[in-house]
């Protein structure tokens, strides 16, 4: 089939990689460049945390998240990424005065799903074996069935893989005005296709009146003095941060955006993505002083070595969400819309795309 995908961010790329395996011809429309550095999928930490997200999410997020974790390995290989998946689990800890907050967090998970009853509590001695540099924390929980996708590597390598595929036409810097079944409207043109997928995120507001943006901010830190190997979360009454290690930094990413920090990265230096701000705003401006102070003071309290780390980048973006913060799939004849993945992009995208294809294109009897 001749298929259009409007919006070549995370969901659009996952769609493209799935559809190419079936032999379809694709046209990718995106309002920005094919590199995808403006997409929320580039800013993301890429955490695969179905358990940790349960505190504020529905059980359907857990179910789809577990399925996505089964799909990511093959999907990354399709994108040409062979070192972008880590499944070592997650560490969740808190300051001594916030231990009740930590216990409440784990209790809420255990009350929601049976699988959470296996979450392991670790004292400082056990934590020292898992993460030697975090052994000064008196208490933590180890969520062994979690991990991460290297979001920046996925975006960069999928750009290369899709660009080189002869069955793909990439319409970058092309703003789509309207989408109808089998039709894409842009500029003064109307193109017809056998099927159209709308994965524009916030760009789909002309159709979804209840779509909103949720601002998120992250820091990229580099250090040769710190060796944290697993995603680590710090619970705090006012903010919850995550620290996500990137083993490879920018190695192998051929983007102008990353060349400067790639050159500055010395052997033995590791990169950490630090974030968790969640602001009800569609403001895409640079990170605020308040957010940077809170994130930096929190990450320093997790490991004092971050005091000498280097800030190599700050990223800001807005994630598309509906009122219930759940993803939405709309299937019609010759048209599928996928939106509202909120803060769960990498956790949900493969499973939601699989569901959308099975209920729509693959279920089409025409």
Protein backbone atom coordinates (compact mmCIF):
# COMPACT_ATOMS: atom_id res chain seq x y z
CA UNK A 1 0.00 0.00 0.00
CA UNK A 2 0.93 3.64 -0.45
CA UNK A 3 0.78 5.09 3.08
CA UNK A 4 1.30 8.55 4.59
CA UNK A 5 2.55 9.12 8.12
CA UNK A 6 2.02 12.70 9.29
CA UNK A 7 4.33 13.48 12.19
CA UNK A 8 7.72 11.74 12.18
CA UNK A 9 8.48 11.85 15.87
CA UNK A 10 8.67 8.78 18.10
CA UNK A 11 5.27 7.32 17.16
CA UNK A 12 5.74 8.12 13.48
CA UNK A 13 9.08 6.31 13.40
CA UNK A 14 7.74 3.27 15.25
CA UNK A 15 4.89 3.17 12.72
CA UNK A 16 7.32 3.46 9.80
CA UNK A 17 9.58 0.66 11.04
CA UNK A 18 6.58 -1.64 11.47
CA UNK A 19 5.03 -0.82 8.09
CA UNK A 20 8.29 -1.21 6.16
CA UNK A 21 8.49 -4.84 7.29
CA UNK A 22 5.18 -5.42 5.49
CA UNK A 23 6.50 -4.00 2.23
CA UNK A 24 4.50 -0.77 2.14
CA UNK A 25 5.63 2.46 0.47
CA UNK A 26 5.68 5.39 2.89
CA UNK A 27 5.64 9.17 2.77
CA UNK A 28 6.70 10.83 6.04
CA UNK A 29 5.50 14.37 6.64
CA UNK A 30 7.10 16.49 9.36
CA UNK A 31 6.99 20.22 10.11
CA UNK A 32 10.66 20.13 11.19
CA UNK A 33 13.83 18.40 9.97
CA UNK A 34 14.13 14.66 9.52
CA UNK A 35 16.71 14.54 12.35
CA UNK A 36 13.84 14.89 14.81
CA UNK A 37 15.71 17.03 17.33
CA UNK A 38 12.57 19.14 17.83
CA UNK A 39 10.47 16.11 18.71
CA UNK A 40 9.51 15.16 22.27
CA UNK A 41 10.99 11.74 21.48
CA UNK A 42 14.44 13.32 21.23
CA UNK A 43 14.17 15.17 24.55
CA UNK A 44 12.92 12.08 26.42
CA UNK A 45 14.97 10.03 28.88
CA UNK A 46 13.50 6.87 27.33
CA UNK A 47 12.68 5.15 30.61
CA UNK A 48 10.87 1.81 30.49
CA UNK A 49 9.31 2.00 33.94
CA UNK A 50 5.89 0.29 33.98
CA UNK A 51 6.03 -0.22 37.76
CA UNK A 52 7.37 3.19 38.77
CA UNK A 53 4.78 5.01 36.65
CA UNK A 54 1.90 3.14 38.30
CA UNK A 55 1.62 5.54 41.22
CA UNK A 56 -0.02 8.17 39.02
CA UNK A 57 -1.08 6.03 36.04
CA UNK A 58 -3.83 3.57 35.17
CA UNK A 59 -3.19 -0.19 35.03
CA UNK A 60 -3.52 -0.05 31.23
CA UNK A 61 -0.21 1.86 31.19
CA UNK A 62 1.38 -1.07 32.99
CA UNK A 63 -0.08 -3.60 30.55
CA UNK A 64 0.98 -1.71 27.43
CA UNK A 65 4.35 -0.91 29.00
CA UNK A 66 5.13 -4.58 29.60
CA UNK A 67 4.23 -5.36 25.99
CA UNK A 68 6.42 -2.53 24.69
CA UNK A 69 9.38 -3.89 26.63
CA UNK A 70 8.95 -7.15 24.70
CA UNK A 71 8.90 -5.30 21.37
CA UNK A 72 11.75 -2.82 21.79
CA UNK A 73 14.71 -5.11 21.11
CA UNK A 74 13.56 -6.07 17.59
CA UNK A 75 12.36 -2.53 16.90
CA UNK A 76 15.77 -1.08 17.77
CA UNK A 77 17.47 -3.58 15.47
CA UNK A 78 15.14 -2.50 12.65
CA UNK A 79 16.34 1.06 13.32
CA UNK A 80 20.00 -0.03 13.24
CA UNK A 81 20.58 0.38 16.99
CA UNK A 82 22.27 -2.61 18.62
CA UNK A 83 23.31 -1.04 21.92
CA UNK A 84 20.36 1.15 22.83
CA UNK A 85 18.40 -1.09 25.21
CA UNK A 86 19.23 -1.60 28.88
CA UNK A 87 17.15 -3.82 31.17
CA UNK A 88 19.04 -3.70 34.47
CA UNK A 89 16.11 -2.45 36.56
CA UNK A 90 15.50 0.81 38.41
CA UNK A 91 16.63 2.04 41.83
CA UNK A 92 14.16 4.21 43.81
CA UNK A 93 15.40 5.94 46.93
CA UNK A 94 14.75 8.97 49.17
CA UNK A 95 16.42 11.10 51.80
CA UNK A 96 16.06 9.83 55.40
CA UNK A 97 13.39 12.40 56.21
CA UNK A 98 11.41 11.32 53.14
CA UNK A 99 11.43 7.56 53.77
CA UNK A 100 7.67 7.61 54.63
CA UNK A 101 7.11 9.06 51.15
CA UNK A 102 9.13 6.18 49.68
CA UNK A 103 7.21 3.54 51.65
CA UNK A 104 3.89 5.08 50.62
CA UNK A 105 4.99 5.07 46.97
CA UNK A 106 5.81 1.35 47.02
CA UNK A 107 2.64 0.50 48.97
CA UNK A 108 0.52 2.23 46.34
CA UNK A 109 2.17 0.14 43.61
CA UNK A 110 1.63 -3.09 45.54
CA UNK A 111 -2.02 -2.25 46.02
CA UNK A 112 -2.56 -1.73 42.30
CA UNK A 113 -1.07 -4.87 40.76
CA UNK A 114 -0.05 -8.31 41.98
CA UNK A 115 3.33 -8.18 40.22
CA UNK A 116 4.42 -5.22 42.37
CA UNK A 117 4.46 -7.43 45.46
CA UNK A 118 7.83 -8.76 44.24
CA UNK A 119 9.50 -5.34 44.43
CA UNK A 120 12.61 -5.81 46.56
CA UNK A 121 13.55 -3.53 49.44
CA UNK A 122 17.31 -3.10 49.73
CA UNK A 123 19.30 -1.70 52.63
CA UNK A 124 22.59 0.16 52.22
CA UNK A 125 24.57 -3.09 52.16
CA UNK A 126 22.51 -4.63 49.34
CA UNK A 127 22.40 -1.30 47.53
CA UNK A 128 26.19 -1.14 47.65
CA UNK A 129 26.32 -4.42 45.73
CA UNK A 130 23.85 -3.22 43.10
CA UNK A 131 25.16 0.34 42.79
CA UNK A 132 28.36 0.80 44.85
CA UNK A 133 28.26 4.58 44.55
CA UNK A 134 24.76 4.80 46.04
CA UNK A 135 25.50 2.75 49.14
CA UNK A 136 25.31 5.81 51.38
CA UNK A 137 21.52 5.76 51.01
CA UNK A 138 20.00 3.87 53.95
CA UNK A 139 17.04 2.41 52.08
CA UNK A 140 15.91 1.90 48.51
CA UNK A 141 13.71 -0.32 46.37
CA UNK A 142 14.93 -2.30 43.38
CA UNK A 143 12.47 -2.68 40.49
CA UNK A 144 14.28 -5.40 38.57
CA UNK A 145 11.88 -5.56 35.60
CA UNK A 146 12.52 -2.06 34.27
CA UNK A 147 15.06 -0.40 32.01
CA UNK A 148 15.57 2.25 29.36
CA UNK A 149 15.90 2.96 25.65
CA UNK A 150 18.59 5.38 24.55
CA UNK A 151 16.17 7.90 23.07
CA UNK A 152 18.74 10.04 21.28
CA UNK A 153 20.38 7.03 19.61
CA UNK A 154 17.00 5.72 18.50
CA UNK A 155 16.05 9.04 16.93
CA UNK A 156 19.44 9.50 15.24
CA UNK A 157 19.83 5.97 13.90
CA UNK A 158 16.21 5.70 12.77
CA UNK A 159 16.75 8.91 10.79
CA UNK A 160 19.63 7.25 8.92
CA UNK A 161 17.82 3.94 8.43
CA UNK A 162 14.61 5.51 7.16
CA UNK A 163 16.42 8.05 4.97
CA UNK A 164 18.30 5.30 3.15
CA UNK A 165 15.23 3.14 2.52
CA UNK A 166 14.08 3.38 -1.14
CA UNK A 167 10.45 2.85 -0.11
CA UNK A 168 10.36 6.09 1.90
CA UNK A 169 9.80 9.66 0.76
CA UNK A 170 10.55 12.15 3.52
CA UNK A 171 8.71 15.50 3.36
CA UNK A 172 10.58 17.48 6.00
CA UNK A 173 9.75 21.10 6.83
CA UNK A 174 6.22 20.47 5.58
CA UNK A 175 3.31 21.69 7.69
CA UNK A 176 0.16 19.66 7.15
CA UNK A 177 -3.02 21.74 7.47
CA UNK A 178 -5.62 19.00 7.56
CA UNK A 179 -5.99 15.24 7.39
CA UNK A 180 -8.97 13.31 6.06
CA UNK A 181 -9.40 9.60 5.26
CA UNK A 182 -6.86 8.77 2.53
CA UNK A 183 -5.99 12.50 2.09
CA UNK A 184 -3.30 14.89 3.31
CA UNK A 185 -3.71 18.65 2.82
CA UNK A 186 -0.63 20.90 2.87
CA UNK A 187 0.02 24.28 1.27
CA UNK A 188 -2.18 24.37 -1.80
CA UNK A 189 -1.86 20.62 -2.39
CA UNK A 190 -3.96 17.56 -1.63
CA UNK A 191 -2.26 14.15 -1.79
CA UNK A 192 -4.20 10.86 -1.81
CA UNK A 193 -3.02 7.62 -0.20
CA UNK A 194 -4.33 4.15 0.51
CA UNK A 195 -4.10 4.91 4.26
CA UNK A 196 -3.07 7.89 6.41
CA UNK A 197 -1.65 7.86 9.94
CA UNK A 198 -1.87 11.00 12.07
CA UNK A 199 0.91 10.99 14.70
CA UNK A 200 1.48 14.74 14.98
CA UNK A 201 1.23 15.06 18.76
CA UNK A 202 0.34 18.66 19.60
CA UNK A 203 0.18 19.41 15.89
CA UNK A 204 -3.16 17.57 15.75
CA UNK A 205 -5.08 20.19 17.74
CA UNK A 206 -7.23 20.98 14.71
CA UNK A 207 -8.82 17.57 15.28
CA UNK A 208 -8.44 16.94 19.04
CA UNK A 209 -10.00 19.90 20.86
CA UNK A 210 -9.10 18.42 24.28
CA UNK A 211 -5.39 17.92 23.54
CA UNK A 212 -2.94 19.80 25.77
CA UNK A 213 0.81 20.11 26.15
CA UNK A 214 2.72 19.22 29.32
CA UNK A 215 6.14 20.85 29.55
CA UNK A 216 9.13 18.74 30.49
CA UNK A 217 12.76 19.77 31.01
CA UNK A 218 15.95 17.71 31.19
CA UNK A 219 19.65 18.27 31.78
CA UNK A 220 22.48 16.34 30.15
CA UNK A 221 25.37 15.97 32.58
CA UNK A 222 28.79 14.42 31.94
CA UNK A 223 31.27 13.08 34.46
CA UNK A 224 34.24 10.73 34.56
CA UNK A 225 33.99 10.51 38.38
CA UNK A 226 30.54 8.90 38.65
CA UNK A 227 29.54 5.37 37.75
CA UNK A 228 25.81 4.83 38.22
CA UNK A 229 24.70 2.03 35.92
CA UNK A 230 20.91 1.96 36.35
CA UNK A 231 18.14 4.54 36.10
CA UNK A 232 17.75 5.98 39.59
CA UNK A 233 14.80 7.90 41.01
CA UNK A 234 14.76 10.17 44.05
CA UNK A 235 11.38 10.71 45.70
CA UNK A 236 10.75 14.08 47.29
CA UNK A 237 7.52 15.70 48.54
CA UNK A 238 7.84 18.54 46.03
CA UNK A 239 9.55 16.94 43.04
CA UNK A 240 10.63 13.49 41.88
CA UNK A 241 13.76 13.29 39.76
CA UNK A 242 15.30 10.56 37.65
CA UNK A 243 18.94 10.04 36.70
CA UNK A 244 19.38 7.93 33.58
CA UNK A 245 22.89 6.79 32.57
CA UNK A 246 23.84 6.84 28.89
CA UNK A 247 26.70 4.40 28.42
CA UNK A 248 27.65 5.65 24.96
CA UNK A 249 27.05 9.37 25.20
CA UNK A 250 26.76 10.62 21.63
CA UNK A 251 29.09 8.01 20.13
CA UNK A 252 28.00 7.10 16.63
CA UNK A 253 25.39 9.86 16.37
CA UNK A 254 26.11 11.89 13.26
CA UNK A 255 24.07 15.00 14.03
CA UNK A 256 25.45 18.54 13.88
CA UNK A 257 23.49 19.03 17.10
CA UNK A 258 25.72 16.53 18.92
CA UNK A 259 29.14 17.09 17.35
CA UNK A 260 30.41 19.61 19.86
CA UNK A 261 29.53 17.56 22.93
CA UNK A 262 30.73 14.39 21.18
CA UNK A 263 34.18 15.93 20.70
CA UNK A 264 34.30 17.10 24.32
CA UNK A 265 33.54 13.63 25.66
CA UNK A 266 36.73 12.07 26.97
CA UNK A 267 37.31 8.29 27.38
CA UNK A 268 35.67 7.03 30.55
CA UNK A 269 33.16 9.87 30.67
CA UNK A 270 29.54 8.93 31.13
CA UNK A 271 26.47 10.95 30.32
CA UNK A 272 23.43 11.23 32.57
CA UNK A 273 20.00 12.50 31.57
CA UNK A 274 18.37 14.20 34.56
CA UNK A 275 14.77 15.29 34.58
CA UNK A 276 11.21 14.96 35.81
CA UNK A 277 9.76 18.43 35.63
CA UNK A 278 6.08 18.25 34.72
CA UNK A 279 4.53 21.65 34.14
CA UNK A 280 1.01 22.31 32.86
CA UNK A 281 2.13 24.65 30.13
CA UNK A 282 2.82 24.61 26.40
CA UNK A 283 5.78 26.93 26.83
CA UNK A 284 8.69 25.68 24.68
CA UNK A 285 11.21 28.28 25.89
CA UNK A 286 14.54 27.27 27.50
CA UNK A 287 14.72 25.75 30.98
CA UNK A 288 13.84 28.05 33.87
CA UNK A 289 16.20 28.97 36.70
CA UNK A 290 13.82 27.37 39.22
CA UNK A 291 13.79 24.02 37.39
CA UNK A 292 17.55 23.96 36.90
CA UNK A 293 18.17 24.76 40.58
CA UNK A 294 15.78 22.07 41.78
CA UNK A 295 17.13 19.41 39.41
CA UNK A 296 20.76 20.22 40.13
CA UNK A 297 20.36 20.37 43.91
CA UNK A 298 18.43 17.10 43.86
CA UNK A 299 20.96 15.26 41.70
CA UNK A 300 23.81 16.56 43.88
CA UNK A 301 22.02 15.15 46.94
CA UNK A 302 21.86 11.72 45.27
CA UNK A 303 25.60 11.70 44.54
CA UNK A 304 27.96 14.50 45.58
CA UNK A 305 30.18 13.73 42.57
CA UNK A 306 27.67 15.56 40.40
CA UNK A 307 29.05 18.76 41.91
CA UNK A 308 31.98 18.48 39.47
CA UNK A 309 29.92 17.16 36.52
CA UNK A 310 29.60 19.25 33.38
CA UNK A 311 26.27 20.49 32.04
CA UNK A 312 26.56 19.80 28.31
CA UNK A 313 22.96 20.46 27.30
CA UNK A 314 19.49 21.42 28.49
CA UNK A 315 16.39 20.28 26.64
CA UNK A 316 12.78 21.44 26.84
CA UNK A 317 9.71 20.05 25.11
CA UNK A 318 5.96 19.55 25.50
CA UNK A 319 4.34 16.15 25.63
CA UNK A 320 0.83 15.68 24.15
CA UNK A 321 -1.80 14.61 26.67
CA UNK A 322 -5.56 14.34 27.13
CA UNK A 323 -7.48 15.04 30.34
CA UNK A 324 -7.15 11.43 31.54
CA UNK A 325 -3.44 11.28 30.56
CA UNK A 326 -4.15 8.11 28.59
CA UNK A 327 -3.23 7.42 24.94
CA UNK A 328 -5.96 7.55 22.33
CA UNK A 329 -6.35 5.60 19.09
CA UNK A 330 -8.98 6.56 16.53
CA UNK A 331 -9.44 4.18 13.62
CA UNK A 332 -11.61 4.94 10.62
CA UNK A 333 -11.65 3.74 7.03
CA UNK A 334 -8.25 4.66 5.56
CA UNK A 335 -7.29 6.82 8.55
CA UNK A 336 -5.70 6.13 11.96
CA UNK A 337 -4.92 8.74 14.60
CA UNK A 338 -2.56 8.03 17.54
CA UNK A 339 -2.00 10.64 20.21
CA UNK A 340 -1.77 11.49 23.91
CA UNK A 341 1.16 9.33 25.03
CA UNK A 342 1.89 12.01 27.65
CA UNK A 343 5.10 11.23 29.62
CA UNK A 344 5.02 7.56 28.61
CA UNK A 345 6.27 7.83 25.02
CA UNK A 346 8.97 5.15 24.97
CA UNK A 347 7.09 3.02 27.47
CA UNK A 348 3.95 2.91 25.31
CA UNK A 349 4.78 3.60 21.66
CA UNK A 350 5.52 0.05 20.39
CA UNK A 351 2.46 -1.48 22.08
CA UNK A 352 0.11 1.35 21.10
CA UNK A 353 1.28 1.22 17.48
CA UNK A 354 0.80 -2.56 17.46
CA UNK A 355 -2.74 -2.14 18.82
CA UNK A 356 -3.57 0.62 16.33
CA UNK A 357 -2.37 -1.45 13.36
CA UNK A 358 -4.23 -4.56 14.47
CA UNK A 359 -7.47 -2.67 15.00
CA UNK A 360 -7.14 -0.52 11.88
CA UNK A 361 -4.99 -1.22 8.83
CA UNK A 362 -4.51 -4.95 9.45
CA UNK A 363 -8.20 -5.35 10.28
CA UNK A 364 -9.34 -3.56 7.13
CA UNK A 365 -11.50 -5.80 4.93
CA UNK A 366 -11.63 -3.51 1.89
